Amino acid sequence: STDGFVQGRGVSVDEFLEEGKKEDPSFYAVVIGVSEYANANINLTFPEKDAEAISTSIQLGAENLFGEERTHVYTISTASTTLPSKTNIKAVFDKIALTAKAEDVIVVYLSGHGVTWSSGTESDFYFLTSDATAANKEAYADPQIRASRTISTNEWVDYLKAIAALKQVMIIDACGSGQAIETL
């Protein structure tokens, strides 16, 4: 055109958006706080309180961004009816894996005891579930004890790999979690 503007045939924006419309994303959060353990001598004061506060904040923010019907926040703490045992935690991840899609978002928050256990070339971060009876790494030298009372970084990776959501965030508030960065 002589006035410097390009002209073309008109396209209806509504029709264009409908053809390529993607499904609205859903938001999932798994918030875990372990203050009370099988051995009361290793109990902590703040993880369950932190988890409850984080859960409420995430719920409010996610509902505002994603909508109430597309927000799914699972809080597993020693203050809730579902204790943070390995079995209960895994069940929540399995449930999310059944419904989450690639466009979805998942946030995982962990608060409680953690240990770094290593033997030779094998080293990993282990989050202690409510079934834990000790907070020192020597107590987890037995692989059966580690398998039943902790969740390793490698297991967290497996849990998250089973979920289709491509946007994943993990926040760890536990001692020894620096090793998780190496493993992840």
N, C-alpha and C. Protein backbone atom coordinates (compact mmCIF):
# COMPACT_ATOMS: atom_id res chain seq x y z
N SER A 1 0.84 -1.18 0.00
CA SER A 1 0.00 0.00 0.00
C SER A 1 0.88 1.24 0.00
N THR A 2 0.38 2.34 -0.51
CA THR A 2 1.16 3.58 -0.63
C THR A 2 1.31 4.32 0.68
N ASP A 3 0.45 4.06 1.67
CA ASP A 3 0.55 4.77 2.95
C ASP A 3 1.45 4.06 3.97
N GLY A 4 2.10 2.97 3.59
CA GLY A 4 3.03 2.27 4.46
C GLY A 4 2.41 1.19 5.33
N PHE A 5 1.12 0.99 5.25
CA PHE A 5 0.47 -0.04 6.05
C PHE A 5 0.20 -1.27 5.19
N VAL A 6 0.37 -2.43 5.77
CA VAL A 6 0.09 -3.68 5.06
C VAL A 6 -1.36 -4.04 5.28
N GLN A 7 -2.01 -4.38 4.21
CA GLN A 7 -3.41 -4.78 4.32
C GLN A 7 -3.53 -6.25 3.97
N GLY A 8 -4.49 -6.89 4.57
CA GLY A 8 -4.75 -8.30 4.28
C GLY A 8 -6.20 -8.59 4.55
N ARG A 9 -6.55 -9.82 4.27
CA ARG A 9 -7.94 -10.18 4.50
C ARG A 9 -8.19 -10.25 6.01
N GLY A 10 -9.35 -9.94 6.44
CA GLY A 10 -9.70 -9.93 7.85
C GLY A 10 -9.78 -11.33 8.43
N VAL A 11 -9.38 -11.46 9.67
CA VAL A 11 -9.48 -12.73 10.39
C VAL A 11 -10.21 -12.45 11.69
N SER A 12 -11.23 -13.23 11.97
CA SER A 12 -11.96 -13.09 13.23
C SER A 12 -11.12 -13.67 14.35
N VAL A 13 -10.81 -12.85 15.34
CA VAL A 13 -9.99 -13.29 16.46
C VAL A 13 -10.67 -14.42 17.22
N ASP A 14 -11.98 -14.32 17.40
CA ASP A 14 -12.70 -15.37 18.12
C ASP A 14 -12.55 -16.72 17.43
N GLU A 15 -12.69 -16.74 16.12
CA GLU A 15 -12.55 -17.99 15.38
C GLU A 15 -11.13 -18.52 15.46
N PHE A 16 -10.16 -17.61 15.36
CA PHE A 16 -8.76 -18.01 15.40
C PHE A 16 -8.42 -18.65 16.76
N LEU A 17 -8.89 -18.03 17.83
CA LEU A 17 -8.62 -18.56 19.16
C LEU A 17 -9.28 -19.91 19.38
N GLU A 18 -10.47 -20.08 18.87
CA GLU A 18 -11.19 -21.35 19.05
C GLU A 18 -10.44 -22.50 18.37
N GLU A 19 -9.87 -22.25 17.18
CA GLU A 19 -9.17 -23.31 16.46
C GLU A 19 -7.94 -23.80 17.23
N GLY A 20 -7.20 -22.86 17.82
CA GLY A 20 -5.98 -23.25 18.50
C GLY A 20 -6.09 -23.19 20.01
N LYS A 21 -7.29 -23.14 20.52
CA LYS A 21 -7.49 -22.98 21.96
C LYS A 21 -6.95 -24.18 22.72
N LYS A 22 -6.16 -23.86 23.74
CA LYS A 22 -5.65 -24.89 24.64
C LYS A 22 -6.54 -24.94 25.87
N GLU A 23 -6.53 -26.07 26.52
CA GLU A 23 -7.31 -26.21 27.75
C GLU A 23 -6.66 -25.37 28.86
N ASP A 24 -7.49 -24.76 29.69
CA ASP A 24 -6.96 -23.97 30.80
C ASP A 24 -6.19 -24.89 31.75
N PRO A 25 -5.04 -24.42 32.23
CA PRO A 25 -4.25 -25.28 33.13
C PRO A 25 -4.88 -25.40 34.51
N SER A 26 -4.56 -26.50 35.16
CA SER A 26 -4.94 -26.71 36.55
C SER A 26 -3.70 -26.56 37.41
N PHE A 27 -3.92 -26.33 38.68
CA PHE A 27 -2.83 -26.16 39.63
C PHE A 27 -2.93 -27.24 40.71
N TYR A 28 -1.82 -27.89 40.96
CA TYR A 28 -1.74 -28.91 42.01
C TYR A 28 -0.64 -28.52 42.99
N ALA A 29 -0.89 -28.75 44.26
CA ALA A 29 0.14 -28.55 45.27
C ALA A 29 0.07 -29.70 46.26
N VAL A 30 1.25 -30.17 46.66
CA VAL A 30 1.36 -31.16 47.72
C VAL A 30 2.22 -30.49 48.79
N VAL A 31 1.60 -30.21 49.93
CA VAL A 31 2.27 -29.49 51.02
C VAL A 31 2.41 -30.46 52.18
N ILE A 32 3.66 -30.71 52.58
CA ILE A 32 3.93 -31.72 53.61
C ILE A 32 4.70 -31.08 54.76
N GLY A 33 4.19 -31.28 55.97
CA GLY A 33 4.86 -30.79 57.17
C GLY A 33 4.87 -31.87 58.25
N VAL A 34 6.07 -32.24 58.66
CA VAL A 34 6.20 -33.29 59.68
C VAL A 34 6.83 -32.69 60.93
N SER A 35 6.01 -32.55 61.97
CA SER A 35 6.50 -32.08 63.27
C SER A 35 6.57 -33.21 64.29
N GLU A 36 5.68 -34.19 64.16
CA GLU A 36 5.63 -35.30 65.12
C GLU A 36 6.04 -36.59 64.42
N TYR A 37 6.97 -37.27 65.05
CA TYR A 37 7.54 -38.50 64.49
C TYR A 37 7.22 -39.69 65.40
N ALA A 38 7.50 -40.88 64.91
CA ALA A 38 7.27 -42.10 65.70
C ALA A 38 8.07 -42.06 67.01
N ASN A 39 9.19 -41.35 67.01
CA ASN A 39 9.99 -41.14 68.21
C ASN A 39 9.82 -39.67 68.60
N ALA A 40 9.11 -39.42 69.68
CA ALA A 40 8.81 -38.05 70.12
C ALA A 40 10.07 -37.24 70.43
N ASN A 41 11.20 -37.90 70.67
CA ASN A 41 12.44 -37.19 70.97
C ASN A 41 12.96 -36.38 69.78
N ILE A 42 12.49 -36.66 68.58
CA ILE A 42 12.96 -35.90 67.42
C ILE A 42 11.88 -34.96 66.87
N ASN A 43 10.81 -34.78 67.62
CA ASN A 43 9.73 -33.88 67.17
C ASN A 43 10.25 -32.47 66.95
N LEU A 44 9.60 -31.77 66.04
CA LEU A 44 9.92 -30.38 65.71
C LEU A 44 8.70 -29.51 66.02
N THR A 45 8.91 -28.21 66.15
CA THR A 45 7.81 -27.31 66.50
C THR A 45 7.09 -26.73 65.28
N PHE A 46 7.83 -26.33 64.25
CA PHE A 46 7.24 -25.49 63.22
C PHE A 46 6.82 -26.13 61.89
N PRO A 47 7.31 -27.28 61.49
CA PRO A 47 6.96 -27.77 60.16
C PRO A 47 5.46 -27.90 59.87
N GLU A 48 4.68 -28.42 60.81
CA GLU A 48 3.24 -28.55 60.53
C GLU A 48 2.58 -27.18 60.46
N LYS A 49 3.03 -26.25 61.30
CA LYS A 49 2.49 -24.88 61.26
C LYS A 49 2.87 -24.20 59.95
N ASP A 50 4.12 -24.38 59.53
CA ASP A 50 4.59 -23.82 58.26
C ASP A 50 3.79 -24.40 57.10
N ALA A 51 3.58 -25.71 57.13
CA ALA A 51 2.84 -26.37 56.04
C ALA A 51 1.41 -25.86 55.97
N GLU A 52 0.77 -25.71 57.11
CA GLU A 52 -0.61 -25.21 57.13
C GLU A 52 -0.67 -23.78 56.58
N ALA A 53 0.28 -22.93 56.98
CA ALA A 53 0.30 -21.54 56.51
C ALA A 53 0.61 -21.47 55.01
N ILE A 54 1.58 -22.23 54.56
CA ILE A 54 1.93 -22.28 53.13
C ILE A 54 0.74 -22.79 52.33
N SER A 55 0.10 -23.83 52.83
CA SER A 55 -1.05 -24.41 52.14
C SER A 55 -2.17 -23.40 51.94
N THR A 56 -2.47 -22.66 53.00
CA THR A 56 -3.52 -21.64 52.92
C THR A 56 -3.13 -20.56 51.91
N SER A 57 -1.89 -20.11 51.94
CA SER A 57 -1.42 -19.08 51.02
C SER A 57 -1.48 -19.56 49.57
N ILE A 58 -1.00 -20.77 49.35
CA ILE A 58 -1.02 -21.34 48.00
C ILE A 58 -2.45 -21.49 47.50
N GLN A 59 -3.33 -21.98 48.36
CA GLN A 59 -4.74 -22.17 47.99
C GLN A 59 -5.35 -20.85 47.53
N LEU A 60 -5.18 -19.80 48.32
CA LEU A 60 -5.76 -18.50 47.99
C LEU A 60 -5.18 -17.94 46.69
N GLY A 61 -3.87 -17.99 46.54
CA GLY A 61 -3.24 -17.47 45.34
C GLY A 61 -3.60 -18.26 44.10
N ALA A 62 -3.60 -19.58 44.21
CA ALA A 62 -3.91 -20.43 43.06
C ALA A 62 -5.36 -20.28 42.63
N GLU A 63 -6.28 -20.18 43.59
CA GLU A 63 -7.68 -19.99 43.22
C GLU A 63 -7.88 -18.68 42.48
N ASN A 64 -7.12 -17.66 42.87
CA ASN A 64 -7.21 -16.37 42.20
C ASN A 64 -6.68 -16.47 40.75
N LEU A 65 -5.61 -17.22 40.54
CA LEU A 65 -5.00 -17.34 39.21
C LEU A 65 -5.64 -18.41 38.33
N PHE A 66 -5.95 -19.55 38.90
CA PHE A 66 -6.42 -20.69 38.12
C PHE A 66 -7.92 -20.93 38.23
N GLY A 67 -8.54 -20.38 39.26
CA GLY A 67 -9.96 -20.64 39.52
C GLY A 67 -10.10 -21.75 40.55
N GLU A 68 -11.15 -21.65 41.32
CA GLU A 68 -11.38 -22.62 42.39
C GLU A 68 -11.49 -24.06 41.88
N GLU A 69 -12.19 -24.23 40.74
CA GLU A 69 -12.41 -25.59 40.21
C GLU A 69 -11.15 -26.23 39.64
N ARG A 70 -10.11 -25.42 39.35
CA ARG A 70 -8.88 -25.97 38.78
C ARG A 70 -7.71 -25.92 39.77
N THR A 71 -8.03 -25.70 41.05
CA THR A 71 -7.01 -25.65 42.10
C THR A 71 -7.18 -26.86 43.01
N HIS A 72 -6.10 -27.60 43.17
CA HIS A 72 -6.12 -28.84 43.97
C HIS A 72 -4.92 -28.81 44.92
N VAL A 73 -5.16 -28.51 46.17
CA VAL A 73 -4.08 -28.43 47.16
C VAL A 73 -4.27 -29.56 48.17
N TYR A 74 -3.24 -30.38 48.29
CA TYR A 74 -3.25 -31.50 49.23
C TYR A 74 -2.28 -31.19 50.36
N THR A 75 -2.81 -31.10 51.57
CA THR A 75 -1.98 -30.82 52.74
C THR A 75 -1.88 -32.08 53.57
N ILE A 76 -0.64 -32.51 53.76
CA ILE A 76 -0.39 -33.72 54.54
C ILE A 76 0.56 -33.32 55.66
N SER A 77 0.02 -33.19 56.85
CA SER A 77 0.88 -32.80 57.97
C SER A 77 0.46 -33.57 59.21
N THR A 78 1.29 -33.46 60.21
CA THR A 78 0.96 -34.14 61.46
C THR A 78 -0.19 -33.45 62.18
N ALA A 79 -0.66 -32.31 61.65
CA ALA A 79 -1.83 -31.64 62.20
C ALA A 79 -3.10 -32.02 61.43
N SER A 80 -2.95 -32.75 60.34
CA SER A 80 -4.11 -33.11 59.51
C SER A 80 -4.56 -34.55 59.80
N THR A 81 -5.66 -34.93 59.20
CA THR A 81 -6.17 -36.29 59.41
C THR A 81 -5.36 -37.33 58.64
N THR A 82 -4.69 -36.90 57.58
CA THR A 82 -3.84 -37.81 56.80
C THR A 82 -2.39 -37.58 57.23
N LEU A 83 -1.83 -38.52 57.96
CA LEU A 83 -0.45 -38.37 58.44
C LEU A 83 0.53 -38.48 57.29
N PRO A 84 1.67 -37.77 57.39
CA PRO A 84 2.67 -37.81 56.32
C PRO A 84 3.56 -39.05 56.37
N SER A 85 2.93 -40.19 56.19
CA SER A 85 3.67 -41.45 56.06
C SER A 85 4.05 -41.61 54.59
N LYS A 86 4.98 -42.46 54.31
CA LYS A 86 5.40 -42.68 52.93
C LYS A 86 4.23 -43.17 52.08
N THR A 87 3.44 -44.07 52.60
CA THR A 87 2.29 -44.61 51.88
C THR A 87 1.28 -43.52 51.54
N ASN A 88 0.95 -42.66 52.50
CA ASN A 88 -0.02 -41.59 52.27
C ASN A 88 0.49 -40.55 51.28
N ILE A 89 1.77 -40.22 51.38
CA ILE A 89 2.36 -39.26 50.45
C ILE A 89 2.34 -39.81 49.03
N LYS A 90 2.77 -41.04 48.87
CA LYS A 90 2.79 -41.67 47.54
C LYS A 90 1.38 -41.74 46.95
N ALA A 91 0.39 -42.00 47.77
CA ALA A 91 -1.00 -42.10 47.30
C ALA A 91 -1.47 -40.77 46.71
N VAL A 92 -1.08 -39.65 47.30
CA VAL A 92 -1.46 -38.35 46.77
C VAL A 92 -0.82 -38.12 45.40
N PHE A 93 0.45 -38.45 45.27
CA PHE A 93 1.13 -38.30 43.97
C PHE A 93 0.49 -39.21 42.92
N ASP A 94 0.13 -40.41 43.30
CA ASP A 94 -0.54 -41.33 42.37
C ASP A 94 -1.89 -40.77 41.92
N LYS A 95 -2.62 -40.15 42.83
CA LYS A 95 -3.92 -39.54 42.51
C LYS A 95 -3.74 -38.39 41.51
N ILE A 96 -2.76 -37.54 41.75
CA ILE A 96 -2.50 -36.42 40.84
C ILE A 96 -2.08 -36.93 39.47
N ALA A 97 -1.28 -37.98 39.43
CA ALA A 97 -0.80 -38.54 38.16
C ALA A 97 -1.95 -39.00 37.26
N LEU A 98 -3.08 -39.36 37.86
CA LEU A 98 -4.23 -39.82 37.08
C LEU A 98 -4.94 -38.69 36.33
N THR A 99 -4.82 -37.45 36.81
CA THR A 99 -5.59 -36.36 36.22
C THR A 99 -4.76 -35.23 35.63
N ALA A 100 -3.53 -35.04 36.07
CA ALA A 100 -2.72 -33.91 35.61
C ALA A 100 -2.39 -34.02 34.13
N LYS A 101 -2.33 -32.85 33.48
CA LYS A 101 -2.00 -32.77 32.06
C LYS A 101 -0.74 -31.93 31.88
N ALA A 102 -0.18 -31.95 30.69
CA ALA A 102 1.09 -31.27 30.41
C ALA A 102 1.03 -29.78 30.73
N GLU A 103 -0.09 -29.12 30.48
CA GLU A 103 -0.20 -27.67 30.69
C GLU A 103 -0.36 -27.29 32.16
N ASP A 104 -0.50 -28.26 33.04
CA ASP A 104 -0.74 -28.00 34.46
C ASP A 104 0.54 -27.63 35.20
N VAL A 105 0.36 -27.18 36.44
CA VAL A 105 1.46 -26.76 37.31
C VAL A 105 1.37 -27.57 38.60
N ILE A 106 2.52 -28.02 39.11
CA ILE A 106 2.54 -28.68 40.42
C ILE A 106 3.64 -28.06 41.27
N VAL A 107 3.30 -27.80 42.53
CA VAL A 107 4.24 -27.29 43.52
C VAL A 107 4.28 -28.30 44.66
N VAL A 108 5.49 -28.64 45.10
CA VAL A 108 5.67 -29.55 46.23
C VAL A 108 6.46 -28.79 47.30
N TYR A 109 5.95 -28.80 48.52
CA TYR A 109 6.61 -28.15 49.64
C TYR A 109 6.83 -29.19 50.74
N LEU A 110 8.06 -29.30 51.20
CA LEU A 110 8.41 -30.26 52.25
C LEU A 110 9.00 -29.51 53.44
N SER A 111 8.54 -29.82 54.63
CA SER A 111 9.11 -29.24 55.83
C SER A 111 9.19 -30.33 56.90
N GLY A 112 10.38 -30.51 57.45
CA GLY A 112 10.60 -31.53 58.47
C GLY A 112 12.07 -31.91 58.50
N HIS A 113 12.36 -33.06 59.09
CA HIS A 113 13.74 -33.55 59.17
C HIS A 113 14.16 -34.13 57.82
N GLY A 114 15.42 -33.95 57.53
CA GLY A 114 16.02 -34.59 56.36
C GLY A 114 17.45 -34.97 56.69
N VAL A 115 17.95 -35.98 56.02
CA VAL A 115 19.34 -36.39 56.21
C VAL A 115 19.97 -36.66 54.85
N THR A 116 21.28 -36.47 54.81
CA THR A 116 22.04 -36.90 53.64
C THR A 116 22.73 -38.18 54.05
N TRP A 117 22.46 -39.22 53.31
CA TRP A 117 23.10 -40.51 53.60
C TRP A 117 23.94 -40.88 52.41
N SER A 118 25.13 -41.35 52.68
CA SER A 118 26.00 -41.76 51.57
C SER A 118 26.82 -42.98 51.96
N SER A 119 27.14 -43.73 50.93
CA SER A 119 27.98 -44.92 51.08
C SER A 119 28.79 -45.04 49.79
N GLY A 120 30.07 -44.75 49.88
CA GLY A 120 30.91 -44.83 48.69
C GLY A 120 30.49 -43.78 47.67
N THR A 121 30.12 -44.23 46.48
CA THR A 121 29.72 -43.30 45.41
C THR A 121 28.23 -42.97 45.48
N GLU A 122 27.49 -43.67 46.32
CA GLU A 122 26.05 -43.43 46.45
C GLU A 122 25.77 -42.40 47.53
N SER A 123 25.10 -41.31 47.14
CA SER A 123 24.76 -40.27 48.09
C SER A 123 23.42 -39.68 47.70
N ASP A 124 22.55 -39.44 48.69
CA ASP A 124 21.24 -38.90 48.37
C ASP A 124 20.67 -38.19 49.59
N PHE A 125 19.71 -37.30 49.34
CA PHE A 125 18.95 -36.64 50.40
C PHE A 125 17.73 -37.50 50.70
N TYR A 126 17.42 -37.65 51.98
CA TYR A 126 16.26 -38.43 52.40
C TYR A 126 15.38 -37.56 53.31
N PHE A 127 14.13 -37.39 52.92
CA PHE A 127 13.15 -36.68 53.74
C PHE A 127 12.53 -37.68 54.68
N LEU A 128 12.52 -37.37 55.97
CA LEU A 128 11.99 -38.30 56.97
C LEU A 128 10.48 -38.15 57.09
N THR A 129 9.77 -39.26 56.93
CA THR A 129 8.32 -39.28 57.07
C THR A 129 7.95 -39.39 58.55
N SER A 130 6.68 -39.35 58.86
CA SER A 130 6.24 -39.41 60.26
C SER A 130 6.58 -40.74 60.93
N ASP A 131 6.97 -41.73 60.13
CA ASP A 131 7.36 -43.04 60.68
C ASP A 131 8.79 -43.08 61.20
N ALA A 132 9.55 -42.01 60.99
CA ALA A 132 10.96 -41.98 61.37
C ALA A 132 11.13 -42.03 62.88
N THR A 133 12.20 -42.70 63.31
CA THR A 133 12.49 -42.84 64.73
C THR A 133 13.81 -42.20 65.14
N ALA A 134 14.55 -41.67 64.15
CA ALA A 134 15.84 -41.03 64.44
C ALA A 134 16.08 -39.94 63.40
N ALA A 135 16.84 -38.92 63.80
CA ALA A 135 17.14 -37.82 62.88
C ALA A 135 18.61 -37.80 62.47
N ASN A 136 19.37 -38.79 62.91
CA ASN A 136 20.78 -38.84 62.52
C ASN A 136 20.97 -39.82 61.36
N LYS A 137 21.89 -39.49 60.48
CA LYS A 137 22.06 -40.29 59.25
C LYS A 137 22.51 -41.73 59.52
N GLU A 138 23.21 -41.98 60.60
CA GLU A 138 23.67 -43.33 60.90
C GLU A 138 22.51 -44.31 61.09
N ALA A 139 21.37 -43.80 61.53
CA ALA A 139 20.20 -44.65 61.76
C ALA A 139 19.62 -45.20 60.45
N TYR A 140 20.05 -44.62 59.31
CA TYR A 140 19.48 -45.02 58.02
C TYR A 140 20.46 -45.79 57.16
N ALA A 141 21.45 -46.39 57.79
CA ALA A 141 22.41 -47.23 57.07
C ALA A 141 21.73 -48.49 56.53
N ASP A 142 20.70 -48.96 57.22
CA ASP A 142 19.96 -50.14 56.78
C ASP A 142 19.01 -49.75 55.65
N PRO A 143 19.16 -50.35 54.46
CA PRO A 143 18.31 -49.99 53.32
C PRO A 143 16.82 -50.20 53.57
N GLN A 144 16.46 -51.18 54.39
CA GLN A 144 15.04 -51.41 54.68
C GLN A 144 14.45 -50.29 55.52
N ILE A 145 15.24 -49.76 56.44
CA ILE A 145 14.77 -48.64 57.26
C ILE A 145 14.62 -47.40 56.38
N ARG A 146 15.62 -47.15 55.52
CA ARG A 146 15.52 -46.01 54.60
C ARG A 146 14.28 -46.14 53.71
N ALA A 147 14.05 -47.33 53.21
CA ALA A 147 12.93 -47.56 52.29
C ALA A 147 11.57 -47.37 52.95
N SER A 148 11.46 -47.63 54.24
CA SER A 148 10.15 -47.57 54.89
C SER A 148 9.88 -46.25 55.62
N ARG A 149 10.92 -45.51 55.98
CA ARG A 149 10.72 -44.32 56.82
C ARG A 149 11.18 -43.02 56.18
N THR A 150 11.67 -43.09 54.96
CA THR A 150 12.16 -41.89 54.28
C THR A 150 11.71 -41.89 52.82
N ILE A 151 11.87 -40.73 52.19
CA ILE A 151 11.66 -40.63 50.74
C ILE A 151 12.90 -39.96 50.18
N SER A 152 13.59 -40.66 49.31
CA SER A 152 14.83 -40.14 48.73
C SER A 152 14.55 -39.17 47.60
N THR A 153 15.55 -38.39 47.25
CA THR A 153 15.43 -37.48 46.11
C THR A 153 15.07 -38.26 44.85
N ASN A 154 15.69 -39.41 44.67
CA ASN A 154 15.38 -40.24 43.49
C ASN A 154 13.92 -40.66 43.47
N GLU A 155 13.35 -40.94 44.63
CA GLU A 155 11.93 -41.30 44.69
C GLU A 155 11.05 -40.09 44.37
N TRP A 156 11.43 -38.90 44.88
CA TRP A 156 10.66 -37.69 44.55
C TRP A 156 10.66 -37.48 43.05
N VAL A 157 11.83 -37.68 42.42
CA VAL A 157 11.93 -37.53 40.96
C VAL A 157 10.97 -38.52 40.28
N ASP A 158 10.94 -39.75 40.73
CA ASP A 158 10.02 -40.75 40.15
C ASP A 158 8.57 -40.34 40.34
N TYR A 159 8.23 -39.83 41.53
CA TYR A 159 6.85 -39.38 41.78
C TYR A 159 6.47 -38.28 40.79
N LEU A 160 7.38 -37.33 40.59
CA LEU A 160 7.10 -36.19 39.71
C LEU A 160 7.11 -36.58 38.23
N LYS A 161 7.96 -37.53 37.87
CA LYS A 161 8.00 -37.99 36.47
C LYS A 161 6.68 -38.64 36.07
N ALA A 162 5.98 -39.23 37.01
CA ALA A 162 4.71 -39.90 36.73
C ALA A 162 3.58 -38.89 36.51
N ILE A 163 3.84 -37.63 36.83
CA ILE A 163 2.83 -36.57 36.68
C ILE A 163 3.14 -35.80 35.40
N ALA A 164 2.15 -35.64 34.55
CA ALA A 164 2.35 -35.03 33.23
C ALA A 164 2.65 -33.54 33.27
N ALA A 165 2.33 -32.85 34.35
CA ALA A 165 2.54 -31.40 34.43
C ALA A 165 4.00 -31.06 34.12
N LEU A 166 4.19 -30.16 33.17
CA LEU A 166 5.55 -29.79 32.75
C LEU A 166 6.15 -28.67 33.60
N LYS A 167 5.31 -27.96 34.32
CA LYS A 167 5.80 -26.90 35.21
C LYS A 167 5.78 -27.44 36.64
N GLN A 168 6.97 -27.70 37.17
CA GLN A 168 7.08 -28.31 38.48
C GLN A 168 8.04 -27.52 39.36
N VAL A 169 7.61 -27.30 40.61
CA VAL A 169 8.42 -26.56 41.58
C VAL A 169 8.50 -27.41 42.85
N MET A 170 9.71 -27.50 43.42
CA MET A 170 9.87 -28.22 44.68
C MET A 170 10.61 -27.31 45.66
N ILE A 171 10.03 -27.14 46.85
CA ILE A 171 10.63 -26.33 47.90
C ILE A 171 10.88 -27.25 49.09
N ILE A 172 12.14 -27.30 49.53
CA ILE A 172 12.50 -28.20 50.64
C ILE A 172 13.03 -27.38 51.81
N ASP A 173 12.35 -27.49 52.95
CA ASP A 173 12.77 -26.83 54.18
C ASP A 173 13.14 -27.94 55.17
N ALA A 174 14.36 -28.47 55.00
CA ALA A 174 14.82 -29.57 55.83
C ALA A 174 16.35 -29.60 55.84
N CYS A 175 16.91 -30.05 56.95
CA CYS A 175 18.36 -30.21 57.01
C CYS A 175 18.81 -31.22 55.96
N GLY A 176 20.00 -31.03 55.44
CA GLY A 176 20.57 -31.98 54.49
C GLY A 176 20.04 -31.85 53.08
N SER A 177 19.16 -30.87 52.83
CA SER A 177 18.52 -30.78 51.51
C SER A 177 19.47 -30.30 50.42
N GLY A 178 20.64 -29.80 50.78
CA GLY A 178 21.61 -29.39 49.76
C GLY A 178 21.98 -30.53 48.84
N GLN A 179 21.98 -31.75 49.35
CA GLN A 179 22.30 -32.92 48.53
C GLN A 179 21.23 -33.14 47.46
N ALA A 180 20.01 -32.70 47.72
CA ALA A 180 18.93 -32.86 46.74
C ALA A 180 19.27 -32.12 45.45
N ILE A 181 19.94 -30.98 45.56
CA ILE A 181 20.33 -30.21 44.38
C ILE A 181 21.27 -31.02 43.51
N GLU A 182 22.21 -31.70 44.14
CA GLU A 182 23.15 -32.54 43.40
C GLU A 182 22.45 -33.66 42.67
N THR A 183 21.52 -34.29 43.35
CA THR A 183 20.80 -35.44 42.78
C THR A 183 19.83 -35.00 41.69
N LEU A 184 19.11 -33.89 41.92
CA LEU A 184 18.14 -33.42 40.95
C LEU A 184 18.84 -32.94 39.71
